[in-house]
Amino acid sequence: MGEVVVRYTVKPGRAEENRRLVERVYAELGERAPEGFRYATYCLDDGVSFVHVASLAEGHGNPLPTIAAFAEFTRDIAERCDVPPNAQDASLVGSYGQSA
């Protein structure tokens, strides 16, 4: 399984817009229900920093490029951000309460 963690900071006044765009991605994922894919988004305490964590099971393709709402979310991300997205591969060290 591969994990990717993406962190970025939106400009002041853009957090709600970013949240709405992210929520649309989740709505479309919910409709499509891709197998072998886990995805979570967190807003940090500062209210403008976001972290996305994606996990892809072996043998499954990444569904995000096929999600129209994800294309909408990423279209103007550079303009929406003070700190641009930084994606890094990650490896799970431990997990509790969810399958690893």
N, C-alpha and C. Protein backbone atom coordinates (compact mmCIF):
# COMPACT_ATOMS: atom_id res chain seq x y z
N MET A 1 0.85 -1.18 0.00
CA MET A 1 0.00 0.00 0.00
C MET A 1 0.88 1.23 0.00
N GLY A 2 0.50 2.23 -0.75
CA GLY A 2 1.23 3.48 -0.78
C GLY A 2 0.44 4.60 -0.15
N GLU A 3 1.12 5.41 0.64
CA GLU A 3 0.49 6.57 1.25
C GLU A 3 1.18 7.83 0.76
N VAL A 4 0.39 8.87 0.60
CA VAL A 4 0.90 10.18 0.24
C VAL A 4 0.28 11.19 1.19
N VAL A 5 1.12 12.09 1.70
CA VAL A 5 0.67 13.16 2.57
C VAL A 5 0.94 14.48 1.87
N VAL A 6 -0.08 15.32 1.78
CA VAL A 6 0.05 16.62 1.13
C VAL A 6 -0.33 17.69 2.15
N ARG A 7 0.53 18.69 2.27
CA ARG A 7 0.26 19.79 3.20
C ARG A 7 0.40 21.12 2.46
N TYR A 8 -0.49 22.07 2.78
CA TYR A 8 -0.45 23.40 2.18
C TYR A 8 -1.17 24.38 3.08
N THR A 9 -0.97 25.66 2.83
CA THR A 9 -1.63 26.71 3.59
C THR A 9 -2.31 27.66 2.62
N VAL A 10 -3.61 27.87 2.83
CA VAL A 10 -4.34 28.78 1.96
C VAL A 10 -4.20 30.21 2.47
N LYS A 11 -4.47 31.15 1.59
CA LYS A 11 -4.42 32.57 1.95
C LYS A 11 -5.54 32.90 2.92
N PRO A 12 -5.34 33.92 3.76
CA PRO A 12 -6.43 34.35 4.65
C PRO A 12 -7.69 34.65 3.83
N GLY A 13 -8.81 34.21 4.34
CA GLY A 13 -10.08 34.43 3.65
C GLY A 13 -10.42 33.37 2.61
N ARG A 14 -9.54 32.40 2.39
CA ARG A 14 -9.79 31.38 1.37
C ARG A 14 -10.09 30.00 1.95
N ALA A 15 -10.07 29.88 3.28
CA ALA A 15 -10.25 28.56 3.91
C ALA A 15 -11.63 27.97 3.63
N GLU A 16 -12.68 28.76 3.74
CA GLU A 16 -14.03 28.23 3.51
C GLU A 16 -14.21 27.79 2.06
N GLU A 17 -13.67 28.56 1.13
CA GLU A 17 -13.71 28.16 -0.28
C GLU A 17 -13.00 26.82 -0.46
N ASN A 18 -11.84 26.68 0.16
CA ASN A 18 -11.08 25.44 0.06
C ASN A 18 -11.87 24.28 0.65
N ARG A 19 -12.49 24.50 1.80
CA ARG A 19 -13.31 23.46 2.43
C ARG A 19 -14.44 23.01 1.49
N ARG A 20 -15.11 23.96 0.89
CA ARG A 20 -16.22 23.62 -0.02
C ARG A 20 -15.72 22.77 -1.19
N LEU A 21 -14.59 23.15 -1.75
CA LEU A 21 -14.03 22.38 -2.86
C LEU A 21 -13.66 20.97 -2.42
N VAL A 22 -13.06 20.84 -1.25
CA VAL A 22 -12.70 19.53 -0.71
C VAL A 22 -13.96 18.70 -0.46
N GLU A 23 -14.99 19.30 0.11
CA GLU A 23 -16.24 18.58 0.37
C GLU A 23 -16.85 18.03 -0.91
N ARG A 24 -16.72 18.75 -2.00
CA ARG A 24 -17.24 18.27 -3.29
C ARG A 24 -16.47 17.03 -3.76
N VAL A 25 -15.16 17.02 -3.48
CA VAL A 25 -14.36 15.83 -3.83
C VAL A 25 -14.91 14.63 -3.06
N TYR A 26 -15.16 14.80 -1.77
CA TYR A 26 -15.67 13.70 -0.97
C TYR A 26 -17.07 13.27 -1.40
N ALA A 27 -17.89 14.20 -1.82
CA ALA A 27 -19.22 13.84 -2.31
C ALA A 27 -19.11 12.95 -3.55
N GLU A 28 -18.23 13.32 -4.45
CA GLU A 28 -18.07 12.52 -5.67
C GLU A 28 -17.43 11.18 -5.36
N LEU A 29 -16.45 11.16 -4.46
CA LEU A 29 -15.87 9.87 -4.04
C LEU A 29 -16.96 8.98 -3.44
N GLY A 30 -17.84 9.57 -2.65
CA GLY A 30 -18.93 8.81 -2.05
C GLY A 30 -19.86 8.20 -3.09
N GLU A 31 -20.09 8.92 -4.16
CA GLU A 31 -20.93 8.40 -5.25
C GLU A 31 -20.26 7.26 -5.98
N ARG A 32 -18.97 7.40 -6.21
CA ARG A 32 -18.23 6.41 -7.00
C ARG A 32 -17.74 5.23 -6.17
N ALA A 33 -17.46 5.45 -4.90
CA ALA A 33 -16.99 4.42 -3.97
C ALA A 33 -15.85 3.58 -4.53
N PRO A 34 -14.72 4.22 -4.88
CA PRO A 34 -13.60 3.44 -5.43
C PRO A 34 -13.02 2.49 -4.38
N GLU A 35 -12.75 1.28 -4.79
CA GLU A 35 -12.19 0.27 -3.89
C GLU A 35 -10.69 0.47 -3.75
N GLY A 36 -10.17 0.08 -2.59
CA GLY A 36 -8.74 0.11 -2.35
C GLY A 36 -8.18 1.50 -2.14
N PHE A 37 -9.04 2.46 -1.83
CA PHE A 37 -8.60 3.85 -1.70
C PHE A 37 -9.16 4.43 -0.41
N ARG A 38 -8.28 5.00 0.40
CA ARG A 38 -8.69 5.74 1.60
C ARG A 38 -8.14 7.15 1.47
N TYR A 39 -8.93 8.10 1.92
CA TYR A 39 -8.56 9.50 1.75
C TYR A 39 -9.11 10.28 2.93
N ALA A 40 -8.29 11.14 3.51
CA ALA A 40 -8.73 11.97 4.64
C ALA A 40 -8.13 13.36 4.48
N THR A 41 -8.87 14.35 4.89
CA THR A 41 -8.39 15.73 4.85
C THR A 41 -8.60 16.34 6.23
N TYR A 42 -7.58 17.05 6.70
CA TYR A 42 -7.63 17.70 8.00
C TYR A 42 -7.34 19.19 7.82
N CYS A 43 -8.04 20.00 8.61
CA CYS A 43 -7.71 21.41 8.70
C CYS A 43 -7.05 21.59 10.06
N LEU A 44 -5.87 22.18 10.09
CA LEU A 44 -5.13 22.35 11.33
C LEU A 44 -5.69 23.51 12.15
N ASP A 45 -5.24 23.61 13.38
CA ASP A 45 -5.78 24.60 14.32
C ASP A 45 -5.68 26.04 13.84
N ASP A 46 -4.73 26.33 12.98
CA ASP A 46 -4.60 27.71 12.50
C ASP A 46 -5.73 28.11 11.56
N GLY A 47 -6.50 27.12 11.10
CA GLY A 47 -7.66 27.39 10.24
C GLY A 47 -7.35 27.59 8.77
N VAL A 48 -6.07 27.63 8.41
CA VAL A 48 -5.70 27.85 7.00
C VAL A 48 -4.74 26.79 6.46
N SER A 49 -4.25 25.91 7.33
CA SER A 49 -3.36 24.83 6.89
C SER A 49 -4.16 23.55 6.75
N PHE A 50 -3.95 22.86 5.65
CA PHE A 50 -4.67 21.62 5.36
C PHE A 50 -3.68 20.49 5.12
N VAL A 51 -4.08 19.30 5.52
CA VAL A 51 -3.30 18.10 5.30
C VAL A 51 -4.23 17.05 4.69
N HIS A 52 -3.80 16.48 3.58
CA HIS A 52 -4.54 15.40 2.93
C HIS A 52 -3.69 14.13 3.05
N VAL A 53 -4.32 13.02 3.38
CA VAL A 53 -3.63 11.74 3.47
C VAL A 53 -4.38 10.76 2.58
N ALA A 54 -3.68 10.22 1.60
CA ALA A 54 -4.27 9.26 0.68
C ALA A 54 -3.53 7.93 0.81
N SER A 55 -4.31 6.85 0.84
CA SER A 55 -3.75 5.50 0.91
C SER A 55 -4.35 4.68 -0.22
N LEU A 56 -3.48 4.01 -0.93
CA LEU A 56 -3.91 3.23 -2.09
C LEU A 56 -3.45 1.79 -1.90
N ALA A 57 -4.39 0.86 -1.90
CA ALA A 57 -4.07 -0.56 -1.76
C ALA A 57 -3.37 -1.05 -3.02
N GLU A 58 -2.50 -2.01 -2.82
CA GLU A 58 -1.76 -2.59 -3.94
C GLU A 58 -2.73 -3.14 -4.98
N GLY A 59 -2.44 -2.87 -6.23
CA GLY A 59 -3.27 -3.37 -7.32
C GLY A 59 -4.44 -2.47 -7.69
N HIS A 60 -4.58 -1.34 -7.01
CA HIS A 60 -5.66 -0.41 -7.31
C HIS A 60 -5.07 0.89 -7.85
N GLY A 61 -5.79 1.51 -8.76
CA GLY A 61 -5.35 2.78 -9.32
C GLY A 61 -5.87 3.96 -8.52
N ASN A 62 -5.18 5.06 -8.63
CA ASN A 62 -5.59 6.29 -7.95
C ASN A 62 -6.82 6.86 -8.65
N PRO A 63 -7.96 6.96 -7.95
CA PRO A 63 -9.16 7.46 -8.59
C PRO A 63 -9.21 8.98 -8.72
N LEU A 64 -8.38 9.71 -8.00
CA LEU A 64 -8.50 11.18 -7.99
C LEU A 64 -8.41 11.82 -9.37
N PRO A 65 -7.52 11.37 -10.25
CA PRO A 65 -7.49 12.01 -11.58
C PRO A 65 -8.78 11.87 -12.39
N THR A 66 -9.64 10.94 -12.00
CA THR A 66 -10.90 10.75 -12.73
C THR A 66 -12.08 11.45 -12.06
N ILE A 67 -11.83 12.15 -10.96
CA ILE A 67 -12.87 12.82 -10.20
C ILE A 67 -12.97 14.28 -10.66
N ALA A 68 -14.10 14.65 -11.24
CA ALA A 68 -14.28 16.01 -11.76
C ALA A 68 -14.11 17.05 -10.66
N ALA A 69 -14.61 16.77 -9.48
CA ALA A 69 -14.49 17.72 -8.36
C ALA A 69 -13.03 17.89 -7.94
N PHE A 70 -12.21 16.86 -8.11
CA PHE A 70 -10.79 16.99 -7.78
C PHE A 70 -10.09 17.90 -8.80
N ALA A 71 -10.48 17.79 -10.06
CA ALA A 71 -9.94 18.69 -11.08
C ALA A 71 -10.30 20.14 -10.76
N GLU A 72 -11.52 20.36 -10.31
CA GLU A 72 -11.97 21.70 -9.92
C GLU A 72 -11.16 22.18 -8.70
N PHE A 73 -10.96 21.31 -7.71
CA PHE A 73 -10.20 21.64 -6.52
C PHE A 73 -8.77 22.05 -6.86
N THR A 74 -8.13 21.33 -7.76
CA THR A 74 -6.71 21.59 -8.08
C THR A 74 -6.51 22.71 -9.10
N ARG A 75 -7.56 23.07 -9.82
CA ARG A 75 -7.41 24.04 -10.91
C ARG A 75 -6.74 25.34 -10.46
N ASP A 76 -7.18 25.96 -9.40
CA ASP A 76 -6.64 27.24 -8.95
C ASP A 76 -5.93 27.14 -7.59
N ILE A 77 -5.43 25.96 -7.27
CA ILE A 77 -4.83 25.76 -5.95
C ILE A 77 -3.64 26.68 -5.72
N ALA A 78 -2.82 26.91 -6.73
CA ALA A 78 -1.64 27.77 -6.55
C ALA A 78 -2.04 29.19 -6.20
N GLU A 79 -3.09 29.68 -6.82
CA GLU A 79 -3.56 31.04 -6.56
C GLU A 79 -4.23 31.15 -5.18
N ARG A 80 -4.80 30.03 -4.71
CA ARG A 80 -5.51 30.01 -3.44
C ARG A 80 -4.55 29.89 -2.25
N CYS A 81 -3.30 29.52 -2.50
CA CYS A 81 -2.37 29.18 -1.41
C CYS A 81 -1.33 30.25 -1.13
N ASP A 82 -1.00 30.40 0.15
CA ASP A 82 0.20 31.14 0.59
C ASP A 82 1.40 30.21 0.54
N VAL A 83 1.22 28.97 0.99
CA VAL A 83 2.25 27.93 0.94
C VAL A 83 1.71 26.84 0.02
N PRO A 84 2.39 26.60 -1.11
CA PRO A 84 1.86 25.65 -2.09
C PRO A 84 1.88 24.21 -1.56
N PRO A 85 1.08 23.35 -2.18
CA PRO A 85 1.04 21.96 -1.76
C PRO A 85 2.41 21.30 -1.85
N ASN A 86 2.72 20.54 -0.80
CA ASN A 86 3.95 19.77 -0.73
C ASN A 86 3.53 18.32 -0.51
N ALA A 87 3.71 17.49 -1.53
CA ALA A 87 3.33 16.08 -1.45
C ALA A 87 4.55 15.24 -1.15
N GLN A 88 4.39 14.33 -0.20
CA GLN A 88 5.47 13.42 0.15
C GLN A 88 4.93 12.02 0.32
N ASP A 89 5.69 11.04 -0.17
CA ASP A 89 5.34 9.65 0.10
C ASP A 89 5.57 9.40 1.58
N ALA A 90 4.76 8.54 2.16
CA ALA A 90 4.86 8.23 3.58
C ALA A 90 4.71 6.72 3.78
N SER A 91 5.30 6.23 4.84
CA SER A 91 5.13 4.83 5.19
C SER A 91 4.53 4.74 6.58
N LEU A 92 3.57 3.87 6.74
CA LEU A 92 2.85 3.72 7.98
C LEU A 92 3.76 3.09 9.04
N VAL A 93 3.83 3.72 10.17
CA VAL A 93 4.60 3.20 11.30
C VAL A 93 3.65 2.45 12.24
N GLY A 94 2.48 2.98 12.45
CA GLY A 94 1.50 2.35 13.32
C GLY A 94 0.14 2.95 13.09
N SER A 95 -0.87 2.22 13.49
CA SER A 95 -2.25 2.67 13.30
C SER A 95 -3.11 2.02 14.36
N TYR A 96 -4.09 2.72 14.85
CA TYR A 96 -5.02 2.16 15.82
C TYR A 96 -6.43 2.49 15.38
N GLY A 97 -7.29 1.52 15.40
CA GLY A 97 -8.70 1.75 15.11
C GLY A 97 -9.06 1.75 13.64
N GLN A 98 -8.13 1.44 12.79
CA GLN A 98 -8.42 1.31 11.38
C GLN A 98 -7.49 0.27 10.81
N SER A 99 -7.88 -0.33 9.70
CA SER A 99 -7.01 -1.34 9.11
C SER A 99 -5.81 -0.65 8.50
N ALA A 100 -4.66 -1.26 8.63
CA ALA A 100 -3.41 -0.68 8.14
C ALA A 100 -3.11 -1.09 6.74
